[in-house]
Amino acid sequence: MPKMKTKSAAKKRFRITGTGLVKRKHAYHSHILTKKTNKRKRALGHQTIVEPANMAAVREMLLM
């Protein structure tokens, strides 16, 4: 049986932390930035942890 492949889209978008959580970037930070406040743009620039409800799906895509 061949090896399972990691989803290429997932490996480009998610990273695993040292404690096994999954980091992701915020959406809405790539274009139409003029109407967004500086505070909002700064917040969107930081990474965050994937929500627990979606963690299993993301891990499956990454084949952890």
PDB file of N, CA and C in Angstrom:
ATOM      1  N   MET A   1       0.845  -1.179   0.000  1.00  0.00           N
ATOM      2  CA  MET A   1       0.000   0.000   0.000  1.00  0.00           C
ATOM      3  C   MET A   1       0.893   1.246   0.000  1.00  0.00           C
ATOM      4  N   PRO A   2       0.622   2.215  -0.869  1.00  0.00           N
ATOM      5  CA  PRO A   2       1.470   3.410  -0.901  1.00  0.00           C
ATOM      6  C   PRO A   2       1.260   4.300   0.323  1.00  0.00           C
ATOM      7  N   LYS A   3       2.236   5.142   0.548  1.00  0.00           N
ATOM      8  CA  LYS A   3       2.141   6.066   1.674  1.00  0.00           C
ATOM      9  C   LYS A   3       1.030   7.086   1.438  1.00  0.00           C
ATOM     10  N   MET A   4       0.434   7.558   2.533  1.00  0.00           N
ATOM     11  CA  MET A   4      -0.551   8.631   2.453  1.00  0.00           C
ATOM     12  C   MET A   4       0.188   9.952   2.246  1.00  0.00           C
ATOM     13  N   LYS A   5      -0.359  10.806   1.420  1.00  0.00           N
ATOM     14  CA  LYS A   5       0.278  12.094   1.159  1.00  0.00           C
ATOM     15  C   LYS A   5      -0.372  13.190   1.986  1.00  0.00           C
ATOM     16  N   THR A   6       0.453  14.135   2.433  1.00  0.00           N
ATOM     17  CA  THR A   6      -0.046  15.322   3.118  1.00  0.00           C
ATOM     18  C   THR A   6      -0.716  16.217   2.090  1.00  0.00           C
ATOM     19  N   LYS A   7      -1.817  16.866   2.476  1.00  0.00           N
ATOM     20  CA  LYS A   7      -2.474  17.820   1.590  1.00  0.00           C
ATOM     21  C   LYS A   7      -1.567  19.029   1.404  1.00  0.00           C
ATOM     22  N   SER A   8      -1.238  19.349   0.156  1.00  0.00           N
ATOM     23  CA  SER A   8      -0.310  20.447  -0.110  1.00  0.00           C
ATOM     24  C   SER A   8      -0.848  21.778   0.367  1.00  0.00           C
ATOM     25  N   ALA A   9      -2.143  21.991   0.242  1.00  0.00           N
ATOM     26  CA  ALA A   9      -2.731  23.252   0.700  1.00  0.00           C
ATOM     27  C   ALA A   9      -2.569  23.400   2.208  1.00  0.00           C
ATOM     28  N   ALA A  10      -2.712  22.305   2.940  1.00  0.00           N
ATOM     29  CA  ALA A  10      -2.608  22.356   4.397  1.00  0.00           C
ATOM     30  C   ALA A  10      -1.179  22.622   4.840  1.00  0.00           C
ATOM     31  N   LYS A  11      -0.217  21.998   4.207  1.00  0.00           N
ATOM     32  CA  LYS A  11       1.167  22.196   4.654  1.00  0.00           C
ATOM     33  C   LYS A  11       1.657  23.607   4.369  1.00  0.00           C
ATOM     34  N   LYS A  12       1.017  24.306   3.416  1.00  0.00           N
ATOM     35  CA  LYS A  12       1.375  25.695   3.150  1.00  0.00           C
ATOM     36  C   LYS A  12       0.730  26.647   4.153  1.00  0.00           C
ATOM     37  N   ARG A  13      -0.363  26.243   4.786  1.00  0.00           N
ATOM     38  CA  ARG A  13      -1.151  27.152   5.616  1.00  0.00           C
ATOM     39  C   ARG A  13      -1.013  26.928   7.114  1.00  0.00           C
ATOM     40  N   PHE A  14      -0.562  25.763   7.555  1.00  0.00           N
ATOM     41  CA  PHE A  14      -0.542  25.442   8.974  1.00  0.00           C
ATOM     42  C   PHE A  14       0.845  25.004   9.406  1.00  0.00           C
ATOM     43  N   ARG A  15       1.169  25.286  10.685  1.00  0.00           N
ATOM     44  CA  ARG A  15       2.420  24.837  11.292  1.00  0.00           C
ATOM     45  C   ARG A  15       2.090  24.214  12.646  1.00  0.00           C
ATOM     46  N   ILE A  16       2.900  23.248  13.055  1.00  0.00           N
ATOM     47  CA  ILE A  16       2.702  22.572  14.327  1.00  0.00           C
ATOM     48  C   ILE A  16       3.605  23.228  15.376  1.00  0.00           C
ATOM     49  N   THR A  17       3.037  23.522  16.551  1.00  0.00           N
ATOM     50  CA  THR A  17       3.829  24.089  17.635  1.00  0.00           C
ATOM     51  C   THR A  17       4.557  22.972  18.371  1.00  0.00           C
ATOM     52  N   GLY A  18       5.429  23.349  19.271  1.00  0.00           N
ATOM     53  CA  GLY A  18       6.177  22.371  20.045  1.00  0.00           C
ATOM     54  C   GLY A  18       5.296  21.529  20.940  1.00  0.00           C
ATOM     55  N   THR A  19       4.160  22.079  21.353  1.00  0.00           N
ATOM     56  CA  THR A  19       3.243  21.341  22.222  1.00  0.00           C
ATOM     57  C   THR A  19       2.187  20.571  21.444  1.00  0.00           C
ATOM     58  N   GLY A  20       2.284  20.588  20.113  1.00  0.00           N
ATOM     59  CA  GLY A  20       1.366  19.794  19.304  1.00  0.00           C
ATOM     60  C   GLY A  20       0.125  20.518  18.828  1.00  0.00           C
ATOM     61  N   LEU A  21       0.021  21.822  19.127  1.00  0.00           N
ATOM     62  CA  LEU A  21      -1.113  22.582  18.616  1.00  0.00           C
ATOM     63  C   LEU A  21      -0.833  23.017  17.183  1.00  0.00           C
ATOM     64  N   VAL A  22      -1.840  23.513  16.504  1.00  0.00           N
ATOM     65  CA  VAL A  22      -1.683  23.912  15.109  1.00  0.00           C
ATOM     66  C   VAL A  22      -1.862  25.424  15.015  1.00  0.00           C
ATOM     67  N   LYS A  23      -0.862  26.099  14.422  1.00  0.00           N
ATOM     68  CA  LYS A  23      -0.926  27.542  14.222  1.00  0.00           C
ATOM     69  C   LYS A  23      -1.492  27.839  12.850  1.00  0.00           C
ATOM     70  N   ARG A  24      -2.163  28.991  12.740  1.00  0.00           N
ATOM     71  CA  ARG A  24      -2.684  29.442  11.459  1.00  0.00           C
ATOM     72  C   ARG A  24      -2.581  30.950  11.383  1.00  0.00           C
ATOM     73  N   LYS A  25      -2.670  31.483  10.172  1.00  0.00           N
ATOM     74  CA  LYS A  25      -2.694  32.923   9.973  1.00  0.00           C
ATOM     75  C   LYS A  25      -4.138  33.397   9.931  1.00  0.00           C
ATOM     76  N   HIS A  26      -4.327  34.684  10.161  1.00  0.00           N
ATOM     77  CA  HIS A  26      -5.656  35.273  10.077  1.00  0.00           C
ATOM     78  C   HIS A  26      -6.011  35.554   8.617  1.00  0.00           C
ATOM     79  N   ALA A  27      -7.283  35.491   8.313  1.00  0.00           N
ATOM     80  CA  ALA A  27      -7.773  35.876   6.995  1.00  0.00           C
ATOM     81  C   ALA A  27      -7.931  37.396   6.939  1.00  0.00           C
ATOM     82  N   TYR A  28      -8.232  37.921   5.777  1.00  0.00           N
ATOM     83  CA  TYR A  28      -8.537  39.345   5.554  1.00  0.00           C
ATOM     84  C   TYR A  28      -7.337  40.259   5.756  1.00  0.00           C
ATOM     85  N   HIS A  29      -6.142  39.768   5.504  1.00  0.00           N
ATOM     86  CA  HIS A  29      -4.967  40.618   5.670  1.00  0.00           C
ATOM     87  C   HIS A  29      -4.150  40.698   4.385  1.00  0.00           C
ATOM     88  N   SER A  30      -4.764  40.418   3.245  1.00  0.00           N
ATOM     89  CA  SER A  30      -3.989  40.382   2.009  1.00  0.00           C
ATOM     90  C   SER A  30      -4.320  41.519   1.052  1.00  0.00           C
ATOM     91  N   HIS A  31      -5.516  42.071   1.106  1.00  0.00           N
ATOM     92  CA  HIS A  31      -5.862  43.163   0.192  1.00  0.00           C
ATOM     93  C   HIS A  31      -6.995  43.982   0.795  1.00  0.00           C
ATOM     94  N   ILE A  32      -7.303  45.100   0.152  1.00  0.00           N
ATOM     95  CA  ILE A  32      -8.296  46.077   0.619  1.00  0.00           C
ATOM     96  C   ILE A  32      -7.966  46.486   2.064  1.00  0.00           C
ATOM     97  N   LEU A  33      -6.730  46.916   2.257  1.00  0.00           N
ATOM     98  CA  LEU A  33      -6.277  47.250   3.602  1.00  0.00           C
ATOM     99  C   LEU A  33      -6.520  48.709   3.957  1.00  0.00           C
ATOM    100  N   THR A  34      -6.880  49.548   2.979  1.00  0.00           N
ATOM    101  CA  THR A  34      -7.012  50.977   3.262  1.00  0.00           C
ATOM    102  C   THR A  34      -8.185  51.269   4.174  1.00  0.00           C
ATOM    103  N   LYS A  35      -9.241  50.502   4.095  1.00  0.00           N
ATOM    104  CA  LYS A  35     -10.410  50.776   4.933  1.00  0.00           C
ATOM    105  C   LYS A  35     -10.320  50.129   6.315  1.00  0.00           C
ATOM    106  N   LYS A  36      -9.295  49.321   6.547  1.00  0.00           N
ATOM    107  CA  LYS A  36      -9.140  48.661   7.843  1.00  0.00           C
ATOM    108  C   LYS A  36      -8.266  49.526   8.750  1.00  0.00           C
ATOM    109  N   THR A  37      -8.592  49.552  10.024  1.00  0.00           N
ATOM    110  CA  THR A  37      -7.833  50.358  10.966  1.00  0.00           C
ATOM    111  C   THR A  37      -6.463  49.739  11.214  1.00  0.00           C
ATOM    112  N   ASN A  38      -5.532  50.580  11.672  1.00  0.00           N
ATOM    113  CA  ASN A  38      -4.181  50.088  11.969  1.00  0.00           C
ATOM    114  C   ASN A  38      -4.221  49.018  13.043  1.00  0.00           C
ATOM    115  N   LYS A  39      -5.078  49.195  14.043  1.00  0.00           N
ATOM    116  CA  LYS A  39      -5.193  48.215  15.113  1.00  0.00           C
ATOM    117  C   LYS A  39      -5.643  46.869  14.563  1.00  0.00           C
ATOM    118  N   ARG A  40      -6.625  46.897  13.671  1.00  0.00           N
ATOM    119  CA  ARG A  40      -7.136  45.653  13.080  1.00  0.00           C
ATOM    120  C   ARG A  40      -6.070  44.976  12.227  1.00  0.00           C
ATOM    121  N   LYS A  41      -5.322  45.764  11.443  1.00  0.00           N
ATOM    122  CA  LYS A  41      -4.285  45.191  10.588  1.00  0.00           C
ATOM    123  C   LYS A  41      -3.161  44.578  11.418  1.00  0.00           C
ATOM    124  N   ARG A  42      -2.794  45.240  12.522  1.00  0.00           N
ATOM    125  CA  ARG A  42      -1.769  44.665  13.407  1.00  0.00           C
ATOM    126  C   ARG A  42      -2.233  43.342  13.976  1.00  0.00           C
ATOM    127  N   ALA A  43      -3.480  43.293  14.415  1.00  0.00           N
ATOM    128  CA  ALA A  43      -4.008  42.061  15.006  1.00  0.00           C
ATOM    129  C   ALA A  43      -4.060  40.937  13.977  1.00  0.00           C
ATOM    130  N   LEU A  44      -4.415  41.266  12.747  1.00  0.00           N
ATOM    131  CA  LEU A  44      -4.500  40.240  11.704  1.00  0.00           C
ATOM    132  C   LEU A  44      -3.122  39.718  11.299  1.00  0.00           C
ATOM    133  N   GLY A  45      -2.067  40.493  11.579  1.00  0.00           N
ATOM    134  CA  GLY A  45      -0.725  40.070  11.218  1.00  0.00           C
ATOM    135  C   GLY A  45      -0.184  38.961  12.103  1.00  0.00           C
ATOM    136  N   HIS A  46      -0.738  38.819  13.306  1.00  0.00           N
ATOM    137  CA  HIS A  46      -0.259  37.793  14.233  1.00  0.00           C
ATOM    138  C   HIS A  46      -0.878  36.444  13.909  1.00  0.00           C
ATOM    139  N   GLN A  47      -0.182  35.400  14.318  1.00  0.00           N
ATOM    140  CA  GLN A  47      -0.723  34.064  14.137  1.00  0.00           C
ATOM    141  C   GLN A  47      -1.539  33.665  15.355  1.00  0.00           C
ATOM    142  N   THR A  48      -2.389  32.670  15.182  1.00  0.00           N
ATOM    143  CA  THR A  48      -3.227  32.193  16.272  1.00  0.00           C
ATOM    144  C   THR A  48      -3.322  30.673  16.190  1.00  0.00           C
ATOM    145  N   ILE A  49      -3.983  30.088  17.162  1.00  0.00           N
ATOM    146  CA  ILE A  49      -4.140  28.638  17.230  1.00  0.00           C
ATOM    147  C   ILE A  49      -5.468  28.250  16.573  1.00  0.00           C
ATOM    148  N   VAL A  50      -5.466  27.125  15.876  1.00  0.00           N
ATOM    149  CA  VAL A  50      -6.695  26.612  15.267  1.00  0.00           C
ATOM    150  C   VAL A  50      -7.683  26.242  16.373  1.00  0.00           C
ATOM    151  N   GLU A  51      -8.949  26.537  16.145  1.00  0.00           N
ATOM    152  CA  GLU A  51      -9.986  26.239  17.128  1.00  0.00           C
ATOM    153  C   GLU A  51     -10.103  24.728  17.347  1.00  0.00           C
ATOM    154  N   PRO A  52     -10.450  24.306  18.563  1.00  0.00           N
ATOM    155  CA  PRO A  52     -10.555  22.870  18.855  1.00  0.00           C
ATOM    156  C   PRO A  52     -11.552  22.138  17.946  1.00  0.00           C
ATOM    157  N   ALA A  53     -12.622  22.823  17.523  1.00  0.00           N
ATOM    158  CA  ALA A  53     -13.613  22.181  16.658  1.00  0.00           C
ATOM    159  C   ALA A  53     -13.030  21.809  15.306  1.00  0.00           C
ATOM    160  N   ASN A  54     -11.997  22.527  14.853  1.00  0.00           N
ATOM    161  CA  ASN A  54     -11.391  22.264  13.549  1.00  0.00           C
ATOM    162  C   ASN A  54     -10.067  21.521  13.647  1.00  0.00           C
ATOM    163  N   MET A  55      -9.571  21.301  14.858  1.00  0.00           N
ATOM    164  CA  MET A  55      -8.244  20.727  15.042  1.00  0.00           C
ATOM    165  C   MET A  55      -8.122  19.341  14.428  1.00  0.00           C
ATOM    166  N   ALA A  56      -9.130  18.493  14.611  1.00  0.00           N
ATOM    167  CA  ALA A  56      -9.056  17.124  14.090  1.00  0.00           C
ATOM    168  C   ALA A  56      -8.981  17.123  12.575  1.00  0.00           C
ATOM    169  N   ALA A  57      -9.746  17.985  11.930  1.00  0.00           N
ATOM    170  CA  ALA A  57      -9.744  18.035  10.468  1.00  0.00           C
ATOM    171  C   ALA A  57      -8.400  18.495   9.928  1.00  0.00           C
ATOM    172  N   VAL A  58      -7.809  19.491  10.594  1.00  0.00           N
ATOM    173  CA  VAL A  58      -6.516  20.001  10.149  1.00  0.00           C
ATOM    174  C   VAL A  58      -5.426  18.951  10.367  1.00  0.00           C
ATOM    175  N   ARG A  59      -5.470  18.294  11.511  1.00  0.00           N
ATOM    176  CA  ARG A  59      -4.477  17.249  11.774  1.00  0.00           C
ATOM    177  C   ARG A  59      -4.569  16.119  10.752  1.00  0.00           C
ATOM    178  N   GLU A  60      -5.777  15.775  10.346  1.00  0.00           N
ATOM    179  CA  GLU A  60      -5.958  14.714   9.353  1.00  0.00           C
ATOM    180  C   GLU A  60      -5.356  15.130   8.016  1.00  0.00           C
ATOM    181  N   MET A  61      -5.521  16.411   7.657  1.00  0.00           N
ATOM    182  CA  MET A  61      -4.928  16.898   6.408  1.00  0.00           C
ATOM    183  C   MET A  61      -3.412  16.874   6.473  1.00  0.00           C
ATOM    184  N   LEU A  62      -2.867  17.090   7.681  1.00  0.00           N
ATOM    185  CA  LEU A  62      -1.419  17.082   7.851  1.00  0.00           C
ATOM    186  C   LEU A  62      -0.885  15.675   8.166  1.00  0.00           C
ATOM    187  N   LEU A  63      -1.780  14.714   8.363  1.00  0.00           N
ATOM    188  CA  LEU A  63      -1.417  13.319   8.657  1.00  0.00           C
ATOM    189  C   LEU A  63      -0.511  13.214   9.870  1.00  0.00           C
ATOM    190  N   MET A  64      -0.947  13.778  10.976  1.00  0.00           N
ATOM    191  CA  MET A  64      -0.167  13.693  12.198  1.00  0.00           C
ATOM    192  C   MET A  64      -0.528  12.430  12.953  1.00  0.00           C
TER     193      MET A  64
END
